[in-house]
Amino acid sequence: MTHKIYLTHDKGAGNPEIYKLIKRTVRTALKAENAAVPCEVSVYVTDNAGIHALNREYRNVDKPTDVLSFPLQTLTPGSFAPDASEISPETGYLPLGDIVISYEKAVSQAAEFGSTPERETAYLTVHSVLHLLGYDHMDEGVQKKQMRDREKAILPLLRLDESR
């Protein structure tokens, strides 16, 4: 399955190896979630100031965060069954949505959690892809557990050295 991942970044936000990791992580998460049609995902890598502005604009939260997800579809977690009418007739791809990652925040959280920037960036990417696929963690019960269980199942597929 070929998915399109469009990645843009601010100058100094990340590096070529991180960008490759993000693309590989998106593909791995989609495969693990049985995304059976070609999907499009846009990823924007920025810093704390960049994500702070977006967080304020779109969520009315006046502080930086680590990752933002902007899903374009309404999907059921764990059951990838998009409406066929949502697949672009021009491209044949299902647009899933946008991901914004603060690489600066990923680096600081990696230090805080005793991890690496690579591992933290991968975690944030998986987390955000799951949001695009309908997962949420707004409750402290079943939804959050379901999302955390999927994160824990997907991250080892990337063969990184650490776990969160």
Protein backbone atom coordinates (compact mmCIF):
# COMPACT_ATOMS: atom_id res chain seq x y z
CA MET A 1 0.00 0.00 0.00
CA THR A 2 1.38 3.36 -0.98
CA HIS A 3 0.42 6.34 1.15
CA LYS A 4 1.34 9.96 0.44
CA ILE A 5 2.95 11.82 3.29
CA TYR A 6 3.57 15.48 2.64
CA LEU A 7 6.13 16.83 5.08
CA THR A 8 7.02 20.49 5.49
CA HIS A 9 9.09 22.08 8.20
CA ASP A 10 10.32 25.34 9.56
CA LYS A 11 14.01 26.08 9.21
CA GLY A 12 15.85 24.40 12.08
CA ALA A 13 12.86 22.30 13.16
CA GLY A 14 14.17 18.76 12.96
CA ASN A 15 16.63 17.27 10.51
CA PRO A 16 16.55 14.96 7.47
CA GLU A 17 16.76 11.82 9.62
CA ILE A 18 13.80 12.95 11.76
CA TYR A 19 11.77 13.67 8.62
CA LYS A 20 12.49 10.15 7.31
CA LEU A 21 11.50 8.71 10.69
CA ILE A 22 8.23 10.66 10.71
CA LYS A 23 7.30 9.38 7.24
CA ARG A 24 8.21 5.81 8.17
CA THR A 25 6.20 6.13 11.39
CA VAL A 26 3.09 7.38 9.57
CA ARG A 27 3.30 4.46 7.14
CA THR A 28 3.88 1.96 9.95
CA ALA A 29 0.92 3.25 11.96
CA LEU A 30 -1.38 3.18 8.92
CA LYS A 31 -0.33 -0.37 8.12
CA ALA A 32 -0.81 -1.47 11.73
CA GLU A 33 -4.30 0.04 11.65
CA ASN A 34 -5.15 -1.81 8.43
CA ALA A 35 -5.56 1.31 6.31
CA ALA A 36 -6.73 -0.59 3.26
CA VAL A 37 -6.90 2.35 0.85
CA PRO A 38 -4.14 4.77 -0.10
CA CYS A 39 -4.16 7.70 2.32
CA GLU A 40 -2.77 11.23 2.31
CA VAL A 41 -1.36 12.80 5.46
CA SER A 42 0.26 16.20 5.79
CA VAL A 43 2.88 16.71 8.48
CA TYR A 44 4.30 20.07 9.51
CA VAL A 45 7.32 20.15 11.82
CA THR A 46 7.76 23.40 13.70
CA ASP A 47 9.05 24.79 17.00
CA ASN A 48 7.28 25.82 20.20
CA ALA A 49 6.45 29.30 18.88
CA GLY A 50 4.92 27.86 15.72
CA ILE A 51 2.77 25.28 17.48
CA HIS A 52 1.83 27.82 20.17
CA ALA A 53 0.33 30.10 17.50
CA LEU A 54 -1.63 27.21 15.98
CA ASN A 55 -2.79 25.95 19.37
CA ARG A 56 -4.05 29.43 20.22
CA GLU A 57 -5.74 29.89 16.85
CA TYR A 58 -7.44 26.51 16.53
CA ARG A 59 -7.96 25.39 20.13
CA ASN A 60 -7.98 28.68 22.06
CA VAL A 61 -5.15 27.31 24.21
CA ASP A 62 -2.50 29.95 24.76
CA LYS A 63 0.59 27.75 25.18
CA PRO A 64 2.74 25.44 23.11
CA THR A 65 1.90 21.76 22.94
CA ASP A 66 3.79 18.78 21.54
CA VAL A 67 1.49 17.71 18.70
CA LEU A 68 -1.75 18.78 17.04
CA SER A 69 -4.01 16.62 14.90
CA PHE A 70 -6.54 17.90 12.41
CA PRO A 71 -8.58 14.93 11.13
CA LEU A 72 -10.53 15.31 7.90
CA GLN A 73 -12.54 12.10 8.30
CA THR A 74 -14.88 10.72 10.93
CA LEU A 75 -13.59 7.20 11.47
CA THR A 76 -14.27 4.52 14.05
CA PRO A 77 -11.17 3.61 16.09
CA GLY A 78 -9.85 0.17 15.25
CA SER A 79 -12.16 -0.30 12.29
CA PHE A 80 -10.75 1.39 9.22
CA ALA A 81 -13.84 1.72 7.04
CA PRO A 82 -13.87 5.12 5.36
CA ASP A 83 -16.74 6.31 3.23
CA ALA A 84 -15.70 5.54 -0.35
CA SER A 85 -17.09 8.91 -1.44
CA GLU A 86 -14.32 10.59 0.58
CA ILE A 87 -11.60 9.12 -1.65
CA SER A 88 -10.44 11.77 -4.07
CA PRO A 89 -11.49 10.85 -7.62
CA GLU A 90 -8.53 12.85 -8.95
CA THR A 91 -5.83 11.14 -6.88
CA GLY A 92 -7.38 7.93 -5.58
CA TYR A 93 -6.21 8.83 -2.07
CA LEU A 94 -8.22 9.29 1.11
CA PRO A 95 -7.18 12.58 2.76
CA LEU A 96 -6.84 11.78 6.47
CA GLY A 97 -5.74 15.17 7.78
CA ASP A 98 -2.88 17.20 9.12
CA ILE A 99 -0.33 16.65 11.87
CA VAL A 100 1.73 19.41 13.46
CA ILE A 101 4.72 18.42 15.61
CA SER A 102 6.85 20.72 17.72
CA TYR A 103 10.29 19.20 17.35
CA GLU A 104 11.51 21.58 20.05
CA LYS A 105 8.92 20.15 22.45
CA ALA A 106 9.80 16.58 21.40
CA VAL A 107 13.45 17.24 22.29
CA SER A 108 12.58 18.72 25.70
CA GLN A 109 10.13 15.92 26.50
CA ALA A 110 12.69 13.31 25.50
CA ALA A 111 15.09 14.78 28.07
CA GLU A 112 12.31 14.94 30.66
CA PHE A 113 11.27 11.30 30.07
CA GLY A 114 14.83 9.95 29.72
CA SER A 115 14.25 9.13 26.08
CA THR A 116 15.65 10.30 22.75
CA PRO A 117 14.28 12.93 20.36
CA GLU A 118 13.80 10.17 17.78
CA ARG A 119 11.74 8.00 20.09
CA GLU A 120 9.65 10.95 21.32
CA THR A 121 9.02 12.17 17.76
CA ALA A 122 7.94 8.67 16.75
CA TYR A 123 5.59 8.48 19.73
CA LEU A 124 4.02 11.86 18.91
CA THR A 125 3.62 10.81 15.28
CA VAL A 126 1.89 7.53 16.17
CA HIS A 127 -0.31 9.36 18.66
CA SER A 128 -1.37 11.89 16.03
CA VAL A 129 -1.99 9.30 13.29
CA LEU A 130 -4.28 7.49 15.71
CA HIS A 131 -6.21 10.74 16.20
CA LEU A 132 -6.57 11.02 12.42
CA LEU A 133 -7.98 7.48 12.46
CA GLY A 134 -10.66 8.33 15.03
CA TYR A 135 -8.96 7.45 18.31
CA ASP A 136 -9.28 9.83 21.23
CA HIS A 137 -8.29 10.03 24.87
CA MET A 138 -10.67 12.64 26.20
CA ASP A 139 -12.09 10.27 28.78
CA GLU A 140 -9.87 8.57 31.33
CA GLY A 141 -11.45 5.19 30.64
CA VAL A 142 -12.06 2.95 27.66
CA GLN A 143 -11.10 5.43 24.90
CA LYS A 144 -7.81 6.39 26.52
CA LYS A 145 -6.91 2.74 27.20
CA GLN A 146 -7.77 1.78 23.62
CA MET A 147 -5.51 4.54 22.26
CA ARG A 148 -2.64 3.75 24.64
CA ASP A 149 -2.86 0.04 23.80
CA ARG A 150 -2.53 0.84 20.08
CA GLU A 151 0.41 3.18 20.71
CA LYS A 152 2.14 0.43 22.68
CA ALA A 153 1.48 -2.08 19.89
CA ILE A 154 2.69 0.18 17.06
CA LEU A 155 5.85 1.70 18.52
CA PRO A 156 7.80 -1.60 18.72
CA LEU A 157 7.16 -2.10 15.00
CA LEU A 158 9.52 0.83 14.40
CA ARG A 159 12.35 -1.06 16.12
CA LEU A 160 13.48 1.88 18.20
CA ASP A 161 15.54 1.12 21.30
CA GLU A 162 13.22 2.61 23.91
CA SER A 163 9.64 2.48 25.08
CA ARG A 164 7.60 5.05 26.92
